[in-house]
Structure formats: structure tokens, C-alpha cells
Amino acid sequence: ILFEHIYEAIVDAGIHPTDFCEMRTGVFLGS
């Protein structure tokens, strides 16, 4: 479910998921 909504959040921000490659993008989960 996280995969699904992470994709939606990225698109919601106006960014294409393939534009992230090699970028300093953090992934922080509270669980």
C-alpha cells in the first residue's frame, strides 16, 4: 500500500518518478 501511495504523492507534487534516479531523496517511515 505504501508503494501505491508513494507513487500518488510523487505525481501529486508534479514530479515524474523516473526523475528521482541518483538524487538525494530521503525515505522516512514511521511504523
All heavy atoms as atom14 arrays in JSON, in Angstrom:
{
  "sequence": "ILFEHIYEAIVDAGIHPTDFCEMRTGVFLGS",
  "atom14_mask": [
    [1, 1, 1, 1, 1, 1, 1, 1, 0, 0, 0, 0, 0, 0],
    [1, 1, 1, 1, 1, 1, 1, 1, 0, 0, 0, 0, 0, 0],
    [1, 1, 1, 1, 1, 1, 1, 1, 1, 1, 1, 0, 0, 0],
    [1, 1, 1, 1, 1, 1, 1, 1, 1, 0, 0, 0, 0, 0],
    [1, 1, 1, 1, 1, 1, 1, 1, 1, 1, 0, 0, 0, 0],
    [1, 1, 1, 1, 1, 1, 1, 1, 0, 0, 0, 0, 0, 0],
    [1, 1, 1, 1, 1, 1, 1, 1, 1, 1, 1, 1, 0, 0],
    [1, 1, 1, 1, 1, 1, 1, 1, 1, 0, 0, 0, 0, 0],
    [1, 1, 1, 1, 1, 0, 0, 0, 0, 0, 0, 0, 0, 0],
    [1, 1, 1, 1, 1, 1, 1, 1, 0, 0, 0, 0, 0, 0],
    [1, 1, 1, 1, 1, 1, 1, 0, 0, 0, 0, 0, 0, 0],
    [1, 1, 1, 1, 1, 1, 1, 1, 0, 0, 0, 0, 0, 0],
    [1, 1, 1, 1, 1, 0, 0, 0, 0, 0, 0, 0, 0, 0],
    [1, 1, 1, 1, 0, 0, 0, 0, 0, 0, 0, 0, 0, 0],
    [1, 1, 1, 1, 1, 1, 1, 1, 0, 0, 0, 0, 0, 0],
    [1, 1, 1, 1, 1, 1, 1, 1, 1, 1, 0, 0, 0, 0],
    [1, 1, 1, 1, 1, 1, 1, 0, 0, 0, 0, 0, 0, 0],
    [1, 1, 1, 1, 1, 1, 1, 0, 0, 0, 0, 0, 0, 0],
    [1, 1, 1, 1, 1, 1, 1, 1, 0, 0, 0, 0, 0, 0],
    [1, 1, 1, 1, 1, 1, 1, 1, 1, 1, 1, 0, 0, 0],
    [1, 1, 1, 1, 1, 1, 0, 0, 0, 0, 0, 0, 0, 0],
    [1, 1, 1, 1, 1, 1, 1, 1, 1, 0, 0, 0, 0, 0],
    [1, 1, 1, 1, 1, 1, 1, 1, 0, 0, 0, 0, 0, 0],
    [1, 1, 1, 1, 1, 1, 1, 1, 1, 1, 1, 0, 0, 0],
    [1, 1, 1, 1, 1, 1, 1, 0, 0, 0, 0, 0, 0, 0],
    [1, 1, 1, 1, 0, 0, 0, 0, 0, 0, 0, 0, 0, 0],
    [1, 1, 1, 1, 1, 1, 1, 0, 0, 0, 0, 0, 0, 0],
    [1, 1, 1, 1, 1, 1, 1, 1, 1, 1, 1, 0, 0, 0],
    [1, 1, 1, 1, 1, 1, 1, 1, 0, 0, 0, 0, 0, 0],
    [1, 1, 1, 1, 0, 0, 0, 0, 0, 0, 0, 0, 0, 0],
    [1, 1, 1, 1, 1, 1, 0, 0, 0, 0, 0, 0, 0, 0]
  ],
  "atom14_positions": [
    [[0.83, -1.2, 0.0], [0.0, 0.0, 0.0], [0.87, 1.26, 0.0], [0.54, 2.26, -0.63], [-0.96, -0.02, 1.21], [-1.93, -1.2, 1.09], [-1.76, 1.28, 1.3], [-2.74, -1.45, 2.33], [0.0, 0.0, 0.0], [0.0, 0.0, 0.0], [0.0, 0.0, 0.0], [0.0, 0.0, 0.0], [0.0, 0.0, 0.0], [0.0, 0.0, 0.0]],
    [[2.01, 1.2, 0.69], [2.95, 2.32, 0.68], [3.45, 2.61, -0.73], [3.53, 3.77, -1.14], [4.13, 2.04, 1.61], [3.95, 2.37, 3.09], [5.11, 1.83, 3.9], [3.82, 3.87, 3.3], [0.0, 0.0, 0.0], [0.0, 0.0, 0.0], [0.0, 0.0, 0.0], [0.0, 0.0, 0.0], [0.0, 0.0, 0.0], [0.0, 0.0, 0.0]],
    [[3.77, 1.56, -1.47], [4.21, 1.73, -2.85], [3.16, 2.51, -3.65], [3.48, 3.43, -4.4], [4.45, 0.37, -3.51], [5.87, -0.11, -3.42], [6.42, -0.49, -2.21], [6.66, -0.17, -4.55], [7.72, -0.94, -2.12], [7.97, -0.62, -4.47], [8.51, -1.0, -3.26], [0.0, 0.0, 0.0], [0.0, 0.0, 0.0], [0.0, 0.0, 0.0]],
    [[1.9, 2.1, -3.51], [0.82, 2.74, -4.26], [0.73, 4.23, -3.94], [0.66, 5.08, -4.83], [-0.51, 2.06, -3.94], [-0.59, 0.6, -4.38], [-1.84, -0.09, -3.87], [-2.67, 0.59, -3.22], [-2.0, -1.3, -4.11], [0.0, 0.0, 0.0], [0.0, 0.0, 0.0], [0.0, 0.0, 0.0], [0.0, 0.0, 0.0], [0.0, 0.0, 0.0]],
    [[0.73, 4.55, -2.65], [0.5, 5.94, -2.25], [1.75, 6.81, -2.4], [1.64, 8.02, -2.59], [-0.04, 5.99, -0.81], [-1.43, 5.45, -0.7], [-2.45, 5.86, -1.52], [-1.97, 4.52, 0.13], [-3.56, 5.21, -1.2], [-3.29, 4.39, -0.2], [0.0, 0.0, 0.0], [0.0, 0.0, 0.0], [0.0, 0.0, 0.0], [0.0, 0.0, 0.0]],
    [[2.93, 6.22, -2.31], [4.14, 6.99, -2.58], [4.15, 7.44, -4.03], [4.48, 8.59, -4.34], [5.39, 6.17, -2.22], [5.57, 6.15, -0.69], [6.64, 6.74, -2.89], [6.63, 5.2, -0.21], [0.0, 0.0, 0.0], [0.0, 0.0, 0.0], [0.0, 0.0, 0.0], [0.0, 0.0, 0.0], [0.0, 0.0, 0.0], [0.0, 0.0, 0.0]],
    [[3.77, 6.55, -4.92], [3.68, 6.93, -6.34], [2.68, 8.08, -6.51], [2.95, 9.07, -7.21], [3.26, 5.73, -7.17], [3.2, 6.01, -8.66], [4.32, 5.82, -9.46], [2.03, 6.5, -9.25], [4.28, 6.09, -10.83], [1.98, 6.77, -10.6], [3.1, 6.57, -11.39], [3.05, 6.85, -12.72], [0.0, 0.0, 0.0], [0.0, 0.0, 0.0]],
    [[1.52, 7.97, -5.87], [0.49, 9.01, -5.97], [0.99, 10.34, -5.42], [0.72, 11.4, -5.99], [-0.77, 8.58, -5.24], [-1.5, 7.42, -5.88], [-2.66, 6.93, -5.04], [-3.02, 7.63, -4.07], [-3.2, 5.85, -5.34], [0.0, 0.0, 0.0], [0.0, 0.0, 0.0], [0.0, 0.0, 0.0], [0.0, 0.0, 0.0], [0.0, 0.0, 0.0]],
    [[1.71, 10.31, -4.29], [2.21, 11.55, -3.67], [3.24, 12.23, -4.56], [3.27, 13.47, -4.66], [2.8, 11.25, -2.3], [0.0, 0.0, 0.0], [0.0, 0.0, 0.0], [0.0, 0.0, 0.0], [0.0, 0.0, 0.0], [0.0, 0.0, 0.0], [0.0, 0.0, 0.0], [0.0, 0.0, 0.0], [0.0, 0.0, 0.0], [0.0, 0.0, 0.0]],
    [[4.11, 11.43, -5.2], [5.11, 12.0, -6.11], [4.43, 12.68, -7.29], [4.77, 13.81, -7.66], [6.08, 10.89, -6.58], [6.93, 10.37, -5.42], [6.98, 11.42, -7.7], [7.71, 9.12, -5.75], [0.0, 0.0, 0.0], [0.0, 0.0, 0.0], [0.0, 0.0, 0.0], [0.0, 0.0, 0.0], [0.0, 0.0, 0.0], [0.0, 0.0, 0.0]],
    [[3.47, 11.99, -7.89], [2.73, 12.57, -9.01], [1.94, 13.79, -8.57], [1.85, 14.79, -9.29], [1.79, 11.51, -9.64], [0.89, 12.13, -10.7], [2.62, 10.38, -10.26], [0.0, 0.0, 0.0], [0.0, 0.0, 0.0], [0.0, 0.0, 0.0], [0.0, 0.0, 0.0], [0.0, 0.0, 0.0], [0.0, 0.0, 0.0], [0.0, 0.0, 0.0]],
    [[1.4, 13.74, -7.35], [0.65, 14.87, -6.81], [1.53, 16.12, -6.68], [1.05, 17.25, -6.79], [0.06, 14.49, -5.44], [-0.95, 15.51, -4.94], [-1.84, 15.91, -5.73], [-0.87, 15.92, -3.77], [0.0, 0.0, 0.0], [0.0, 0.0, 0.0], [0.0, 0.0, 0.0], [0.0, 0.0, 0.0], [0.0, 0.0, 0.0], [0.0, 0.0, 0.0]],
    [[2.82, 15.9, -6.45], [3.77, 17.02, -6.35], [4.21, 17.52, -7.72], [5.01, 18.47, -7.81], [4.99, 16.6, -5.53], [0.0, 0.0, 0.0], [0.0, 0.0, 0.0], [0.0, 0.0, 0.0], [0.0, 0.0, 0.0], [0.0, 0.0, 0.0], [0.0, 0.0, 0.0], [0.0, 0.0, 0.0], [0.0, 0.0, 0.0], [0.0, 0.0, 0.0]],
    [[3.73, 16.89, -8.78], [4.07, 17.33, -10.13], [5.4, 16.82, -10.62], [6.02, 17.44, -11.5], [0.0, 0.0, 0.0], [0.0, 0.0, 0.0], [0.0, 0.0, 0.0], [0.0, 0.0, 0.0], [0.0, 0.0, 0.0], [0.0, 0.0, 0.0], [0.0, 0.0, 0.0], [0.0, 0.0, 0.0], [0.0, 0.0, 0.0], [0.0, 0.0, 0.0]],
    [[5.86, 15.7, -10.07], [7.17, 15.16, -10.44], [6.99, 13.75, -11.0], [6.15, 12.99, -10.51], [8.11, 15.13, -9.21], [8.31, 16.55, -8.66], [9.45, 14.5, -9.56], [9.09, 16.6, -7.38], [0.0, 0.0, 0.0], [0.0, 0.0, 0.0], [0.0, 0.0, 0.0], [0.0, 0.0, 0.0], [0.0, 0.0, 0.0], [0.0, 0.0, 0.0]],
    [[7.77, 13.42, -12.0], [7.73, 12.08, -12.57], [8.66, 11.17, -11.76], [9.8, 11.55, -11.5], [8.16, 12.09, -14.04], [7.74, 10.86, -14.77], [8.35, 9.64, -14.6], [6.74, 10.66, -15.69], [7.76, 8.74, -15.36], [6.79, 9.34, -16.04], [0.0, 0.0, 0.0], [0.0, 0.0, 0.0], [0.0, 0.0, 0.0], [0.0, 0.0, 0.0]],
    [[8.18, 9.99, -11.35], [9.02, 9.11, -10.52], [10.38, 8.78, -11.12], [11.35, 8.56, -10.39], [8.16, 7.85, -10.38], [6.76, 8.33, -10.53], [6.82, 9.46, -11.52], [0.0, 0.0, 0.0], [0.0, 0.0, 0.0], [0.0, 0.0, 0.0], [0.0, 0.0, 0.0], [0.0, 0.0, 0.0], [0.0, 0.0, 0.0], [0.0, 0.0, 0.0]],
    [[10.48, 8.73, -12.46], [11.78, 8.41, -13.08], [12.79, 9.53, -12.95], [13.99, 9.32, -13.2], [11.58, 8.07, -14.57], [10.96, 9.19, -15.22], [10.72, 6.83, -14.74], [0.0, 0.0, 0.0], [0.0, 0.0, 0.0], [0.0, 0.0, 0.0], [0.0, 0.0, 0.0], [0.0, 0.0, 0.0], [0.0, 0.0, 0.0], [0.0, 0.0, 0.0]],
    [[12.35, 10.72, -12.55], [13.28, 11.85, -12.4], [14.09, 11.78, -11.11], [14.94, 12.63, -10.87], [12.5, 13.17, -12.44], [11.87, 13.43, -13.8], [12.32, 12.81, -14.77], [10.92, 14.23, -13.87], [0.0, 0.0, 0.0], [0.0, 0.0, 0.0], [0.0, 0.0, 0.0], [0.0, 0.0, 0.0], [0.0, 0.0, 0.0], [0.0, 0.0, 0.0]],
    [[13.82, 10.77, -10.28], [14.48, 10.69, -8.97], [15.83, 9.99, -9.0], [16.59, 10.07, -8.04], [13.59, 9.91, -7.98], [12.51, 10.73, -7.39], [11.23, 10.67, -7.89], [12.76, 11.58, -6.34], [10.22, 11.43, -7.34], [11.77, 12.35, -5.79], [10.49, 12.27, -6.29], [0.0, 0.0, 0.0], [0.0, 0.0, 0.0], [0.0, 0.0, 0.0]],
    [[16.11, 9.28, -10.04], [17.29, 8.41, -10.06], [18.56, 9.18, -9.68], [18.83, 10.26, -10.2], [17.45, 7.79, -11.45], [18.64, 6.45, -11.49], [0.0, 0.0, 0.0], [0.0, 0.0, 0.0], [0.0, 0.0, 0.0], [0.0, 0.0, 0.0], [0.0, 0.0, 0.0], [0.0, 0.0, 0.0], [0.0, 0.0, 0.0], [0.0, 0.0, 0.0]],
    [[19.31, 8.61, -8.73], [20.58, 9.15, -8.25], [20.43, 10.43, -7.43], [21.42, 11.07, -7.09], [21.53, 9.44, -9.44], [21.8, 8.25, -10.33], [22.79, 7.28, -9.73], [23.74, 7.74, -9.08], [22.6, 6.07, -9.9], [0.0, 0.0, 0.0], [0.0, 0.0, 0.0], [0.0, 0.0, 0.0], [0.0, 0.0, 0.0], [0.0, 0.0, 0.0]],
    [[19.22, 10.82, -7.09], [19.02, 12.06, -6.33], [19.04, 11.79, -4.83], [18.73, 10.69, -4.37], [17.71, 12.74, -6.72], [17.68, 13.28, -8.13], [16.42, 14.54, -8.36], [17.05, 15.88, -7.37], [0.0, 0.0, 0.0], [0.0, 0.0, 0.0], [0.0, 0.0, 0.0], [0.0, 0.0, 0.0], [0.0, 0.0, 0.0], [0.0, 0.0, 0.0]],
    [[19.41, 12.82, -4.06], [19.44, 12.72, -2.61], [18.01, 12.87, -2.08], [17.61, 13.92, -1.57], [20.34, 13.8, -2.01], [21.79, 13.69, -2.38], [22.69, 14.55, -1.49], [22.15, 15.87, -1.24], [22.34, 16.92, -2.02], [23.02, 16.8, -3.14], [21.84, 18.1, -1.69], [0.0, 0.0, 0.0], [0.0, 0.0, 0.0], [0.0, 0.0, 0.0]],
    [[17.26, 11.81, -2.2], [15.88, 11.78, -1.72], [15.8, 10.84, -0.54], [16.15, 9.65, -0.64], [14.93, 11.3, -2.83], [15.01, 12.2, -3.93], [13.49, 11.25, -2.32], [0.0, 0.0, 0.0], [0.0, 0.0, 0.0], [0.0, 0.0, 0.0], [0.0, 0.0, 0.0], [0.0, 0.0, 0.0], [0.0, 0.0, 0.0], [0.0, 0.0, 0.0]],
    [[15.37, 11.34, 0.6], [15.23, 10.52, 1.8], [13.89, 9.82, 1.83], [12.9, 10.32, 1.29], [0.0, 0.0, 0.0], [0.0, 0.0, 0.0], [0.0, 0.0, 0.0], [0.0, 0.0, 0.0], [0.0, 0.0, 0.0], [0.0, 0.0, 0.0], [0.0, 0.0, 0.0], [0.0, 0.0, 0.0], [0.0, 0.0, 0.0], [0.0, 0.0, 0.0]],
    [[13.87, 8.66, 2.46], [12.63, 7.9, 2.65], [12.53, 7.57, 4.13], [13.28, 6.74, 4.65], [12.6, 6.61, 1.82], [11.28, 5.86, 2.03], [12.8, 6.91, 0.34], [0.0, 0.0, 0.0], [0.0, 0.0, 0.0], [0.0, 0.0, 0.0], [0.0, 0.0, 0.0], [0.0, 0.0, 0.0], [0.0, 0.0, 0.0], [0.0, 0.0, 0.0]],
    [[11.63, 8.27, 4.84], [11.48, 8.09, 6.28], [10.1, 7.53, 6.58], [9.09, 8.12, 6.21], [11.64, 9.43, 7.02], [12.98, 10.09, 6.8], [13.11, 11.46, 6.94], [14.09, 9.36, 6.46], [14.34, 12.09, 6.74], [15.32, 9.97, 6.25], [15.45, 11.33, 6.39], [0.0, 0.0, 0.0], [0.0, 0.0, 0.0], [0.0, 0.0, 0.0]],
    [[10.07, 6.39, 7.26], [8.81, 5.74, 7.6], [8.63, 5.71, 9.11], [9.57, 5.4, 9.84], [8.8, 4.3, 7.05], [7.65, 3.39, 7.46], [6.33, 3.92, 6.93], [7.89, 1.97, 6.97], [0.0, 0.0, 0.0], [0.0, 0.0, 0.0], [0.0, 0.0, 0.0], [0.0, 0.0, 0.0], [0.0, 0.0, 0.0], [0.0, 0.0, 0.0]],
    [[7.43, 6.07, 9.58], [7.08, 5.93, 10.98], [6.17, 4.74, 11.14], [5.02, 4.75, 10.7], [0.0, 0.0, 0.0], [0.0, 0.0, 0.0], [0.0, 0.0, 0.0], [0.0, 0.0, 0.0], [0.0, 0.0, 0.0], [0.0, 0.0, 0.0], [0.0, 0.0, 0.0], [0.0, 0.0, 0.0], [0.0, 0.0, 0.0], [0.0, 0.0, 0.0]],
    [[6.69, 3.66, 11.72], [5.92, 2.42, 11.82], [6.4, 1.61, 13.02], [7.58, 1.64, 13.36], [6.06, 1.6, 10.54], [5.33, 0.42, 10.61], [0.0, 0.0, 0.0], [0.0, 0.0, 0.0], [0.0, 0.0, 0.0], [0.0, 0.0, 0.0], [0.0, 0.0, 0.0], [0.0, 0.0, 0.0], [0.0, 0.0, 0.0], [0.0, 0.0, 0.0]]
  ]
}
